[in-house]
Amino acid sequence: MQQETPSNLQRAPKDQGRHYNLRRREWRPSLDSLVQLRVRQLSNAAEGFAEKLAPKFDGPYRVVKFISLNIVRLVWPGEPKKRVASISQLKPFCQEMTEDGEELDPMDVK
């Protein structure tokens, strides 16, 4: 029993780290990939708007340039306006399917 304790103490942080890191994989968008951008909206009681009921992501945006390792330049497809965002505020855009099993055009998804 006493001989097992040191080996268990050495193995426990590795096991805990493995479980912790399962959902924390580093993701980087590639150039010309479609992503969604996290948006923050303020609640407004006068207008009857609640932030927690609003969509949390806006998009799809296309990645056009990496300004630094963590900062990207985004463009809304079909519009000249560009935005800058951290990759921590992005997530991959998933294509939606029609009932026939065909992918929808990202420009039609809103």
PDB file of N, CA and C in Angstrom:
ATOM      1  N   MET A   1       0.831  -1.188   0.000  1.00  0.00           N
ATOM      2  CA  MET A   1       0.000   0.000   0.000  1.00  0.00           C
ATOM      3  C   MET A   1       0.879   1.258   0.000  1.00  0.00           C
ATOM      4  N   GLN A   2       1.878   1.291   0.846  1.00  0.00           N
ATOM      5  CA  GLN A   2       2.738   2.473   0.917  1.00  0.00           C
ATOM      6  C   GLN A   2       3.602   2.623  -0.333  1.00  0.00           C
ATOM      7  N   GLN A   3       3.889   1.510  -0.986  1.00  0.00           N
ATOM      8  CA  GLN A   3       4.694   1.589  -2.193  1.00  0.00           C
ATOM      9  C   GLN A   3       3.865   2.093  -3.385  1.00  0.00           C
ATOM     10  N   GLU A   4       2.575   1.880  -3.374  1.00  0.00           N
ATOM     11  CA  GLU A   4       1.714   2.316  -4.460  1.00  0.00           C
ATOM     12  C   GLU A   4       1.416   3.816  -4.399  1.00  0.00           C
ATOM     13  N   THR A   5       1.448   4.397  -3.221  1.00  0.00           N
ATOM     14  CA  THR A   5       1.076   5.799  -3.045  1.00  0.00           C
ATOM     15  C   THR A   5       1.936   6.742  -3.873  1.00  0.00           C
ATOM     16  N   PRO A   6       3.275   6.661  -3.848  1.00  0.00           N
ATOM     17  CA  PRO A   6       4.058   7.596  -4.673  1.00  0.00           C
ATOM     18  C   PRO A   6       3.768   7.452  -6.163  1.00  0.00           C
ATOM     19  N   SER A   7       3.585   6.241  -6.650  1.00  0.00           N
ATOM     20  CA  SER A   7       3.294   6.078  -8.081  1.00  0.00           C
ATOM     21  C   SER A   7       1.913   6.642  -8.419  1.00  0.00           C
ATOM     22  N   ASN A   8       0.951   6.488  -7.517  1.00  0.00           N
ATOM     23  CA  ASN A   8      -0.378   7.065  -7.744  1.00  0.00           C
ATOM     24  C   ASN A   8      -0.322   8.585  -7.725  1.00  0.00           C
ATOM     25  N   LEU A   9       0.496   9.164  -6.840  1.00  0.00           N
ATOM     26  CA  LEU A   9       0.635  10.620  -6.777  1.00  0.00           C
ATOM     27  C   LEU A   9       1.293  11.168  -8.038  1.00  0.00           C
ATOM     28  N   GLN A  10       2.158  10.412  -8.663  1.00  0.00           N
ATOM     29  CA  GLN A  10       2.791  10.857  -9.899  1.00  0.00           C
ATOM     30  C   GLN A  10       1.861  10.683 -11.099  1.00  0.00           C
ATOM     31  N   ARG A  11       1.042   9.687 -11.065  1.00  0.00           N
ATOM     32  CA  ARG A  11       0.150   9.404 -12.190  1.00  0.00           C
ATOM     33  C   ARG A  11      -1.106  10.279 -12.164  1.00  0.00           C
ATOM     34  N   ALA A  12      -1.572  10.685 -11.000  1.00  0.00           N
ATOM     35  CA  ALA A  12      -2.831  11.426 -10.889  1.00  0.00           C
ATOM     36  C   ALA A  12      -2.830  12.729 -11.691  1.00  0.00           C
ATOM     37  N   PRO A  13      -1.797  13.603 -11.614  1.00  0.00           N
ATOM     38  CA  PRO A  13      -1.845  14.834 -12.418  1.00  0.00           C
ATOM     39  C   PRO A  13      -1.896  14.576 -13.922  1.00  0.00           C
ATOM     40  N   LYS A  14      -1.244  13.525 -14.376  1.00  0.00           N
ATOM     41  CA  LYS A  14      -1.275  13.196 -15.804  1.00  0.00           C
ATOM     42  C   LYS A  14      -2.688  12.792 -16.224  1.00  0.00           C
ATOM     43  N   ASP A  15      -3.329  11.972 -15.400  1.00  0.00           N
ATOM     44  CA  ASP A  15      -4.688  11.545 -15.716  1.00  0.00           C
ATOM     45  C   ASP A  15      -5.653  12.726 -15.695  1.00  0.00           C
ATOM     46  N   GLN A  16      -5.527  13.581 -14.695  1.00  0.00           N
ATOM     47  CA  GLN A  16      -6.404  14.744 -14.600  1.00  0.00           C
ATOM     48  C   GLN A  16      -6.167  15.691 -15.772  1.00  0.00           C
ATOM     49  N   GLY A  17      -4.897  15.885 -16.132  1.00  0.00           N
ATOM     50  CA  GLY A  17      -4.570  16.745 -17.260  1.00  0.00           C
ATOM     51  C   GLY A  17      -5.130  16.209 -18.564  1.00  0.00           C
ATOM     52  N   ARG A  18      -5.081  14.904 -18.741  1.00  0.00           N
ATOM     53  CA  ARG A  18      -5.610  14.298 -19.956  1.00  0.00           C
ATOM     54  C   ARG A  18      -7.117  14.528 -20.052  1.00  0.00           C
ATOM     55  N   HIS A  19      -7.838  14.344 -18.950  1.00  0.00           N
ATOM     56  CA  HIS A  19      -9.287  14.573 -18.954  1.00  0.00           C
ATOM     57  C   HIS A  19      -9.615  16.049 -19.153  1.00  0.00           C
ATOM     58  N   TYR A  20      -8.836  16.930 -18.542  1.00  0.00           N
ATOM     59  CA  TYR A  20      -9.080  18.367 -18.685  1.00  0.00           C
ATOM     60  C   TYR A  20      -8.873  18.809 -20.127  1.00  0.00           C
ATOM     61  N   ASN A  21      -7.854  18.289 -20.780  1.00  0.00           N
ATOM     62  CA  ASN A  21      -7.501  18.734 -22.124  1.00  0.00           C
ATOM     63  C   ASN A  21      -8.328  18.097 -23.232  1.00  0.00           C
ATOM     64  N   LEU A  22      -9.198  17.166 -22.913  1.00  0.00           N
ATOM     65  CA  LEU A  22     -10.009  16.526 -23.946  1.00  0.00           C
ATOM     66  C   LEU A  22     -10.847  17.534 -24.718  1.00  0.00           C
ATOM     67  N   ARG A  23     -11.419  18.514 -24.047  1.00  0.00           N
ATOM     68  CA  ARG A  23     -12.286  19.510 -24.685  1.00  0.00           C
ATOM     69  C   ARG A  23     -11.559  20.808 -25.006  1.00  0.00           C
ATOM     70  N   ARG A  24     -10.290  20.873 -24.778  1.00  0.00           N
ATOM     71  CA  ARG A  24      -9.539  22.103 -24.986  1.00  0.00           C
ATOM     72  C   ARG A  24      -8.456  21.919 -26.033  1.00  0.00           C
ATOM     73  N   ARG A  25      -8.881  21.632 -27.225  1.00  0.00           N
ATOM     74  CA  ARG A  25      -7.933  21.464 -28.319  1.00  0.00           C
ATOM     75  C   ARG A  25      -7.727  22.800 -29.011  1.00  0.00           C
ATOM     76  N   GLU A  26      -6.490  23.070 -29.362  1.00  0.00           N
ATOM     77  CA  GLU A  26      -6.195  24.325 -30.035  1.00  0.00           C
ATOM     78  C   GLU A  26      -6.734  24.257 -31.454  1.00  0.00           C
ATOM     79  N   TRP A  27      -7.443  25.293 -31.845  1.00  0.00           N
ATOM     80  CA  TRP A  27      -8.023  25.360 -33.172  1.00  0.00           C
ATOM     81  C   TRP A  27      -7.580  26.661 -33.816  1.00  0.00           C
ATOM     82  N   ARG A  28      -7.165  26.591 -35.039  1.00  0.00           N
ATOM     83  CA  ARG A  28      -6.800  27.771 -35.805  1.00  0.00           C
ATOM     84  C   ARG A  28      -7.532  27.713 -37.139  1.00  0.00           C
ATOM     85  N   PRO A  29      -8.187  28.807 -37.513  1.00  0.00           N
ATOM     86  CA  PRO A  29      -8.846  28.812 -38.818  1.00  0.00           C
ATOM     87  C   PRO A  29      -7.805  28.895 -39.931  1.00  0.00           C
ATOM     88  N   SER A  30      -8.132  28.379 -41.076  1.00  0.00           N
ATOM     89  CA  SER A  30      -7.236  28.493 -42.218  1.00  0.00           C
ATOM     90  C   SER A  30      -7.703  29.670 -43.078  1.00  0.00           C
ATOM     91  N   LEU A  31      -6.824  30.139 -43.940  1.00  0.00           N
ATOM     92  CA  LEU A  31      -7.198  31.229 -44.835  1.00  0.00           C
ATOM     93  C   LEU A  31      -8.358  30.790 -45.720  1.00  0.00           C
ATOM     94  N   ASP A  32      -9.253  31.689 -45.992  1.00  0.00           N
ATOM     95  CA  ASP A  32     -10.448  31.473 -46.811  1.00  0.00           C
ATOM     96  C   ASP A  32     -11.451  30.507 -46.189  1.00  0.00           C
ATOM     97  N   SER A  33     -11.296  30.173 -44.906  1.00  0.00           N
ATOM     98  CA  SER A  33     -12.294  29.320 -44.261  1.00  0.00           C
ATOM     99  C   SER A  33     -13.429  30.184 -43.723  1.00  0.00           C
ATOM    100  N   LEU A  34     -14.580  29.577 -43.552  1.00  0.00           N
ATOM    101  CA  LEU A  34     -15.733  30.282 -43.006  1.00  0.00           C
ATOM    102  C   LEU A  34     -15.782  30.078 -41.501  1.00  0.00           C
ATOM    103  N   VAL A  35     -15.996  31.169 -40.760  1.00  0.00           N
ATOM    104  CA  VAL A  35     -16.053  31.118 -39.299  1.00  0.00           C
ATOM    105  C   VAL A  35     -17.233  31.944 -38.816  1.00  0.00           C
ATOM    106  N   GLN A  36     -17.583  31.731 -37.558  1.00  0.00           N
ATOM    107  CA  GLN A  36     -18.590  32.559 -36.895  1.00  0.00           C
ATOM    108  C   GLN A  36     -17.896  33.380 -35.824  1.00  0.00           C
ATOM    109  N   LEU A  37     -18.372  34.598 -35.619  1.00  0.00           N
ATOM    110  CA  LEU A  37     -17.780  35.535 -34.672  1.00  0.00           C
ATOM    111  C   LEU A  37     -18.719  35.741 -33.493  1.00  0.00           C
ATOM    112  N   ARG A  38     -18.167  35.646 -32.287  1.00  0.00           N
ATOM    113  CA  ARG A  38     -18.956  35.887 -31.082  1.00  0.00           C
ATOM    114  C   ARG A  38     -19.312  37.373 -31.017  1.00  0.00           C
ATOM    115  N   VAL A  39     -20.566  37.667 -30.761  1.00  0.00           N
ATOM    116  CA  VAL A  39     -21.026  39.047 -30.645  1.00  0.00           C
ATOM    117  C   VAL A  39     -21.571  39.275 -29.244  1.00  0.00           C
ATOM    118  N   ARG A  40     -21.322  40.435 -28.723  1.00  0.00           N
ATOM    119  CA  ARG A  40     -21.831  40.834 -27.402  1.00  0.00           C
ATOM    120  C   ARG A  40     -22.862  41.932 -27.605  1.00  0.00           C
ATOM    121  N   GLN A  41     -24.026  41.712 -27.073  1.00  0.00           N
ATOM    122  CA  GLN A  41     -25.085  42.699 -27.186  1.00  0.00           C
ATOM    123  C   GLN A  41     -25.558  43.045 -25.793  1.00  0.00           C
ATOM    124  N   LEU A  42     -25.850  44.292 -25.575  1.00  0.00           N
ATOM    125  CA  LEU A  42     -26.306  44.748 -24.265  1.00  0.00           C
ATOM    126  C   LEU A  42     -27.818  44.620 -24.147  1.00  0.00           C
ATOM    127  N   SER A  43     -28.250  44.171 -22.998  1.00  0.00           N
ATOM    128  CA  SER A  43     -29.684  44.110 -22.731  1.00  0.00           C
ATOM    129  C   SER A  43     -30.239  45.516 -22.631  1.00  0.00           C
ATOM    130  N   ASN A  44     -31.497  45.665 -23.007  1.00  0.00           N
ATOM    131  CA  ASN A  44     -32.140  46.966 -22.947  1.00  0.00           C
ATOM    132  C   ASN A  44     -33.584  46.748 -22.495  1.00  0.00           C
ATOM    133  N   ALA A  45     -33.855  47.064 -21.253  1.00  0.00           N
ATOM    134  CA  ALA A  45     -35.188  46.840 -20.697  1.00  0.00           C
ATOM    135  C   ALA A  45     -36.231  47.740 -21.352  1.00  0.00           C
ATOM    136  N   ALA A  46     -35.832  48.951 -21.732  1.00  0.00           N
ATOM    137  CA  ALA A  46     -36.780  49.878 -22.342  1.00  0.00           C
ATOM    138  C   ALA A  46     -37.313  49.335 -23.669  1.00  0.00           C
ATOM    139  N   GLU A  47     -36.464  48.637 -24.401  1.00  0.00           N
ATOM    140  CA  GLU A  47     -36.890  48.075 -25.678  1.00  0.00           C
ATOM    141  C   GLU A  47     -37.335  46.624 -25.550  1.00  0.00           C
ATOM    142  N   GLY A  48     -37.232  46.063 -24.345  1.00  0.00           N
ATOM    143  CA  GLY A  48     -37.641  44.680 -24.131  1.00  0.00           C
ATOM    144  C   GLY A  48     -36.685  43.681 -24.758  1.00  0.00           C
ATOM    145  N   PHE A  49     -35.383  43.994 -24.761  1.00  0.00           N
ATOM    146  CA  PHE A  49     -34.376  43.133 -25.376  1.00  0.00           C
ATOM    147  C   PHE A  49     -33.520  42.490 -24.297  1.00  0.00           C
ATOM    148  N   ALA A  50     -33.429  41.162 -24.306  1.00  0.00           N
ATOM    149  CA  ALA A  50     -32.615  40.431 -23.337  1.00  0.00           C
ATOM    150  C   ALA A  50     -31.424  39.798 -24.055  1.00  0.00           C
ATOM    151  N   GLU A  51     -30.219  40.069 -23.547  1.00  0.00           N
ATOM    152  CA  GLU A  51     -28.997  39.560 -24.169  1.00  0.00           C
ATOM    153  C   GLU A  51     -28.970  38.033 -24.206  1.00  0.00           C
ATOM    154  N   LYS A  52     -29.442  37.409 -23.152  1.00  0.00           N
ATOM    155  CA  LYS A  52     -29.327  35.956 -23.083  1.00  0.00           C
ATOM    156  C   LYS A  52     -30.211  35.235 -24.096  1.00  0.00           C
ATOM    157  N   LEU A  53     -31.162  35.941 -24.701  1.00  0.00           N
ATOM    158  CA  LEU A  53     -32.002  35.346 -25.727  1.00  0.00           C
ATOM    159  C   LEU A  53     -31.512  35.648 -27.140  1.00  0.00           C
ATOM    160  N   ALA A  54     -30.518  36.515 -27.252  1.00  0.00           N
ATOM    161  CA  ALA A  54     -29.990  36.904 -28.562  1.00  0.00           C
ATOM    162  C   ALA A  54     -28.989  35.867 -29.062  1.00  0.00           C
ATOM    163  N   PRO A  55     -28.789  35.774 -30.374  1.00  0.00           N
ATOM    164  CA  PRO A  55     -27.779  34.855 -30.901  1.00  0.00           C
ATOM    165  C   PRO A  55     -26.388  35.240 -30.403  1.00  0.00           C
ATOM    166  N   LYS A  56     -25.589  34.258 -30.062  1.00  0.00           N
ATOM    167  CA  LYS A  56     -24.262  34.524 -29.521  1.00  0.00           C
ATOM    168  C   LYS A  56     -23.203  34.648 -30.610  1.00  0.00           C
ATOM    169  N   PHE A  57     -23.486  34.131 -31.794  1.00  0.00           N
ATOM    170  CA  PHE A  57     -22.521  34.173 -32.883  1.00  0.00           C
ATOM    171  C   PHE A  57     -23.167  34.760 -34.128  1.00  0.00           C
ATOM    172  N   ASP A  58     -22.345  35.457 -34.910  1.00  0.00           N
ATOM    173  CA  ASP A  58     -22.776  36.071 -36.153  1.00  0.00           C
ATOM    174  C   ASP A  58     -21.885  35.536 -37.264  1.00  0.00           C
ATOM    175  N   GLY A  59     -22.427  35.352 -38.419  1.00  0.00           N
ATOM    176  CA  GLY A  59     -21.580  34.883 -39.502  1.00  0.00           C
ATOM    177  C   GLY A  59     -22.406  34.228 -40.573  1.00  0.00           C
ATOM    178  N   PRO A  60     -21.786  33.709 -41.577  1.00  0.00           N
ATOM    179  CA  PRO A  60     -20.377  33.342 -41.671  1.00  0.00           C
ATOM    180  C   PRO A  60     -19.505  34.493 -42.158  1.00  0.00           C
ATOM    181  N   TYR A  61     -18.311  34.558 -41.629  1.00  0.00           N
ATOM    182  CA  TYR A  61     -17.272  35.465 -42.094  1.00  0.00           C
ATOM    183  C   TYR A  61     -16.192  34.626 -42.756  1.00  0.00           C
ATOM    184  N   ARG A  62     -15.470  35.236 -43.682  1.00  0.00           N
ATOM    185  CA  ARG A  62     -14.352  34.553 -44.337  1.00  0.00           C
ATOM    186  C   ARG A  62     -13.045  35.125 -43.801  1.00  0.00           C
ATOM    187  N   VAL A  63     -12.106  34.257 -43.433  1.00  0.00           N
ATOM    188  CA  VAL A  63     -10.792  34.678 -42.946  1.00  0.00           C
ATOM    189  C   VAL A  63      -9.963  35.077 -44.160  1.00  0.00           C
ATOM    190  N   VAL A  64      -9.509  36.344 -44.195  1.00  0.00           N
ATOM    191  CA  VAL A  64      -8.749  36.815 -45.348  1.00  0.00           C
ATOM    192  C   VAL A  64      -7.271  37.041 -45.041  1.00  0.00           C
ATOM    193  N   LYS A  65      -6.932  37.237 -43.740  1.00  0.00           N
ATOM    194  CA  LYS A  65      -5.535  37.527 -43.424  1.00  0.00           C
ATOM    195  C   LYS A  65      -5.273  37.278 -41.944  1.00  0.00           C
ATOM    196  N   PHE A  66      -4.061  36.794 -41.642  1.00  0.00           N
ATOM    197  CA  PHE A  66      -3.611  36.685 -40.263  1.00  0.00           C
ATOM    198  C   PHE A  66      -2.754  37.910 -39.963  1.00  0.00           C
ATOM    199  N   ILE A  67      -3.221  38.764 -39.066  1.00  0.00           N
ATOM    200  CA  ILE A  67      -2.458  39.949 -38.684  1.00  0.00           C
ATOM    201  C   ILE A  67      -1.336  39.551 -37.739  1.00  0.00           C
ATOM    202  N   SER A  68      -1.622  38.663 -36.815  1.00  0.00           N
ATOM    203  CA  SER A  68      -0.628  38.081 -35.917  1.00  0.00           C
ATOM    204  C   SER A  68      -1.050  36.634 -35.670  1.00  0.00           C
ATOM    205  N   LEU A  69      -0.409  35.971 -34.720  1.00  0.00           N
ATOM    206  CA  LEU A  69      -0.759  34.574 -34.458  1.00  0.00           C
ATOM    207  C   LEU A  69      -2.197  34.406 -33.987  1.00  0.00           C
ATOM    208  N   ASN A  70      -2.708  35.389 -33.233  1.00  0.00           N
ATOM    209  CA  ASN A  70      -4.042  35.257 -32.643  1.00  0.00           C
ATOM    210  C   ASN A  70      -5.066  36.230 -33.197  1.00  0.00           C
ATOM    211  N   ILE A  71      -4.679  37.097 -34.105  1.00  0.00           N
ATOM    212  CA  ILE A  71      -5.584  38.111 -34.639  1.00  0.00           C
ATOM    213  C   ILE A  71      -5.779  37.862 -36.133  1.00  0.00           C
ATOM    214  N   VAL A  72      -7.040  37.857 -36.564  1.00  0.00           N
ATOM    215  CA  VAL A  72      -7.351  37.629 -37.977  1.00  0.00           C
ATOM    216  C   VAL A  72      -8.213  38.758 -38.516  1.00  0.00           C
ATOM    217  N   ARG A  73      -8.121  38.960 -39.818  1.00  0.00           N
ATOM    218  CA  ARG A  73      -8.985  39.922 -40.497  1.00  0.00           C
ATOM    219  C   ARG A  73     -10.097  39.128 -41.167  1.00  0.00           C
ATOM    220  N   LEU A  74     -11.334  39.547 -40.936  1.00  0.00           N
ATOM    221  CA  LEU A  74     -12.514  38.852 -41.445  1.00  0.00           C
ATOM    222  C   LEU A  74     -13.260  39.747 -42.414  1.00  0.00           C
ATOM    223  N   VAL A  75     -13.915  39.124 -43.344  1.00  0.00           N
ATOM    224  CA  VAL A  75     -14.780  39.863 -44.257  1.00  0.00           C
ATOM    225  C   VAL A  75     -16.082  39.079 -44.395  1.00  0.00           C
ATOM    226  N   TRP A  76     -17.182  39.824 -44.404  1.00  0.00           N
ATOM    227  CA  TRP A  76     -18.489  39.205 -44.633  1.00  0.00           C
ATOM    228  C   TRP A  76     -18.574  38.955 -46.133  1.00  0.00           C
ATOM    229  N   PRO A  77     -18.815  37.718 -46.568  1.00  0.00           N
ATOM    230  CA  PRO A  77     -18.835  37.441 -48.005  1.00  0.00           C
ATOM    231  C   PRO A  77     -19.840  38.334 -48.726  1.00  0.00           C
ATOM    232  N   GLY A  78     -19.348  39.000 -49.782  1.00  0.00           N
ATOM    233  CA  GLY A  78     -20.210  39.871 -50.564  1.00  0.00           C
ATOM    234  C   GLY A  78     -20.215  41.317 -50.115  1.00  0.00           C
ATOM    235  N   GLU A  79     -19.528  41.662 -49.040  1.00  0.00           N
ATOM    236  CA  GLU A  79     -19.473  43.038 -48.567  1.00  0.00           C
ATOM    237  C   GLU A  79     -18.028  43.484 -48.428  1.00  0.00           C
ATOM    238  N   PRO A  80     -17.731  44.752 -48.696  1.00  0.00           N
ATOM    239  CA  PRO A  80     -16.347  45.232 -48.614  1.00  0.00           C
ATOM    240  C   PRO A  80     -15.862  45.497 -47.187  1.00  0.00           C
ATOM    241  N   LYS A  81     -16.778  45.619 -46.221  1.00  0.00           N
ATOM    242  CA  LYS A  81     -16.378  45.952 -44.857  1.00  0.00           C
ATOM    243  C   LYS A  81     -15.599  44.794 -44.224  1.00  0.00           C
ATOM    244  N   LYS A  82     -14.462  45.133 -43.586  1.00  0.00           N
ATOM    245  CA  LYS A  82     -13.620  44.127 -42.940  1.00  0.00           C
ATOM    246  C   LYS A  82     -13.653  44.324 -41.430  1.00  0.00           C
ATOM    247  N   ARG A  83     -13.474  43.224 -40.709  1.00  0.00           N
ATOM    248  CA  ARG A  83     -13.428  43.259 -39.238  1.00  0.00           C
ATOM    249  C   ARG A  83     -12.168  42.566 -38.785  1.00  0.00           C
ATOM    250  N   VAL A  84     -11.720  42.910 -37.596  1.00  0.00           N
ATOM    251  CA  VAL A  84     -10.559  42.283 -36.975  1.00  0.00           C
ATOM    252  C   VAL A  84     -11.045  41.613 -35.700  1.00  0.00           C
ATOM    253  N   ALA A  85     -10.588  40.370 -35.469  1.00  0.00           N
ATOM    254  CA  ALA A  85     -11.040  39.638 -34.289  1.00  0.00           C
ATOM    255  C   ALA A  85      -9.954  38.696 -33.809  1.00  0.00           C
ATOM    256  N   SER A  86     -10.018  38.374 -32.535  1.00  0.00           N
ATOM    257  CA  SER A  86      -9.127  37.377 -31.949  1.00  0.00           C
ATOM    258  C   SER A  86      -9.677  35.993 -32.263  1.00  0.00           C
ATOM    259  N   ILE A  87      -8.778  35.013 -32.406  1.00  0.00           N
ATOM    260  CA  ILE A  87      -9.272  33.667 -32.721  1.00  0.00           C
ATOM    261  C   ILE A  87     -10.014  33.042 -31.547  1.00  0.00           C
ATOM    262  N   SER A  88      -9.852  33.620 -30.352  1.00  0.00           N
ATOM    263  CA  SER A  88     -10.607  33.112 -29.206  1.00  0.00           C
ATOM    264  C   SER A  88     -12.097  33.439 -29.330  1.00  0.00           C
ATOM    265  N   GLN A  89     -12.446  34.389 -30.199  1.00  0.00           N
ATOM    266  CA  GLN A  89     -13.845  34.762 -30.391  1.00  0.00           C
ATOM    267  C   GLN A  89     -14.451  34.119 -31.629  1.00  0.00           C
ATOM    268  N   LEU A  90     -13.744  33.173 -32.230  1.00  0.00           N
ATOM    269  CA  LEU A  90     -14.221  32.526 -33.446  1.00  0.00           C
ATOM    270  C   LEU A  90     -14.537  31.067 -33.201  1.00  0.00           C
ATOM    271  N   LYS A  91     -15.416  30.544 -34.028  1.00  0.00           N
ATOM    272  CA  LYS A  91     -15.647  29.105 -34.058  1.00  0.00           C
ATOM    273  C   LYS A  91     -15.915  28.730 -35.508  1.00  0.00           C
ATOM    274  N   PRO A  92     -15.663  27.472 -35.874  1.00  0.00           N
ATOM    275  CA  PRO A  92     -15.880  27.070 -37.271  1.00  0.00           C
ATOM    276  C   PRO A  92     -17.347  27.186 -37.652  1.00  0.00           C
ATOM    277  N   PHE A  93     -17.570  27.564 -38.887  1.00  0.00           N
ATOM    278  CA  PHE A  93     -18.929  27.649 -39.414  1.00  0.00           C
ATOM    279  C   PHE A  93     -19.309  26.293 -39.966  1.00  0.00           C
ATOM    280  N   CYS A  94     -20.439  25.769 -39.548  1.00  0.00           N
ATOM    281  CA  CYS A  94     -20.923  24.469 -40.025  1.00  0.00           C
ATOM    282  C   CYS A  94     -22.017  24.708 -41.057  1.00  0.00           C
ATOM    283  N   GLN A  95     -21.885  24.054 -42.192  1.00  0.00           N
ATOM    284  CA  GLN A  95     -22.883  24.188 -43.249  1.00  0.00           C
ATOM    285  C   GLN A  95     -24.193  23.570 -42.788  1.00  0.00           C
ATOM    286  N   GLU A  96     -25.278  24.215 -43.119  1.00  0.00           N
ATOM    287  CA  GLU A  96     -26.591  23.653 -42.827  1.00  0.00           C
ATOM    288  C   GLU A  96     -27.073  22.873 -44.037  1.00  0.00           C
ATOM    289  N   MET A  97     -27.842  21.841 -43.783  1.00  0.00           N
ATOM    290  CA  MET A  97     -28.336  20.974 -44.849  1.00  0.00           C
ATOM    291  C   MET A  97     -29.829  21.221 -45.078  1.00  0.00           C
ATOM    292  N   THR A  98     -30.237  21.051 -46.303  1.00  0.00           N
ATOM    293  CA  THR A  98     -31.660  21.126 -46.613  1.00  0.00           C
ATOM    294  C   THR A  98     -32.286  19.774 -46.314  1.00  0.00           C
ATOM    295  N   GLU A  99     -33.580  19.680 -46.473  1.00  0.00           N
ATOM    296  CA  GLU A  99     -34.268  18.413 -46.240  1.00  0.00           C
ATOM    297  C   GLU A  99     -33.849  17.358 -47.262  1.00  0.00           C
ATOM    298  N   ASP A 100     -33.404  17.807 -48.436  1.00  0.00           N
ATOM    299  CA  ASP A 100     -32.969  16.880 -49.486  1.00  0.00           C
ATOM    300  C   ASP A 100     -31.542  16.382 -49.265  1.00  0.00           C
ATOM    301  N   GLY A 101     -30.852  16.900 -48.251  1.00  0.00           N
ATOM    302  CA  GLY A 101     -29.483  16.497 -47.985  1.00  0.00           C
ATOM    303  C   GLY A 101     -28.443  17.333 -48.715  1.00  0.00           C
ATOM    304  N   GLU A 102     -28.870  18.433 -49.328  1.00  0.00           N
ATOM    305  CA  GLU A 102     -27.937  19.312 -50.021  1.00  0.00           C
ATOM    306  C   GLU A 102     -27.485  20.414 -49.083  1.00  0.00           C
ATOM    307  N   GLU A 103     -26.229  20.880 -49.272  1.00  0.00           N
ATOM    308  CA  GLU A 103     -25.711  21.970 -48.443  1.00  0.00           C
ATOM    309  C   GLU A 103     -26.321  23.287 -48.898  1.00  0.00           C
ATOM    310  N   LEU A 104     -26.659  24.133 -47.933  1.00  0.00           N
ATOM    311  CA  LEU A 104     -27.163  25.448 -48.239  1.00  0.00           C
ATOM    312  C   LEU A 104     -25.998  26.374 -48.556  1.00  0.00           C
ATOM    313  N   ASP A 105     -26.237  27.346 -49.401  1.00  0.00           N
ATOM    314  CA  ASP A 105     -25.226  28.355 -49.696  1.00  0.00           C
ATOM    315  C   ASP A 105     -25.052  29.223 -48.452  1.00  0.00           C
ATOM    316  N   PRO A 106     -23.790  29.478 -47.994  1.00  0.00           N
ATOM    317  CA  PRO A 106     -23.586  30.294 -46.785  1.00  0.00           C
ATOM    318  C   PRO A 106     -24.220  31.687 -46.889  1.00  0.00           C
ATOM    319  N   MET A 107     -24.392  32.178 -48.095  1.00  0.00           N
ATOM    320  CA  MET A 107     -24.984  33.496 -48.241  1.00  0.00           C
ATOM    321  C   MET A 107     -26.477  33.469 -47.938  1.00  0.00           C
ATOM    322  N   ASP A 108     -27.103  32.305 -48.047  1.00  0.00           N
ATOM    323  CA  ASP A 108     -28.532  32.177 -47.769  1.00  0.00           C
ATOM    324  C   ASP A 108     -28.806  31.882 -46.297  1.00  0.00           C
ATOM    325  N   VAL A 109     -27.787  31.454 -45.548  1.00  0.00           N
ATOM    326  CA  VAL A 109     -27.965  31.077 -44.137  1.00  0.00           C
ATOM    327  C   VAL A 109     -27.911  32.340 -43.300  1.00  0.00           C
ATOM    328  N   LYS A 110     -28.922  32.594 -42.550  1.00  0.00           N
ATOM    329  CA  LYS A 110     -28.928  33.763 -41.656  1.00  0.00           C
ATOM    330  C   LYS A 110     -29.860  33.504 -40.528  1.00  0.00           C
TER     331      LYS A 110
END
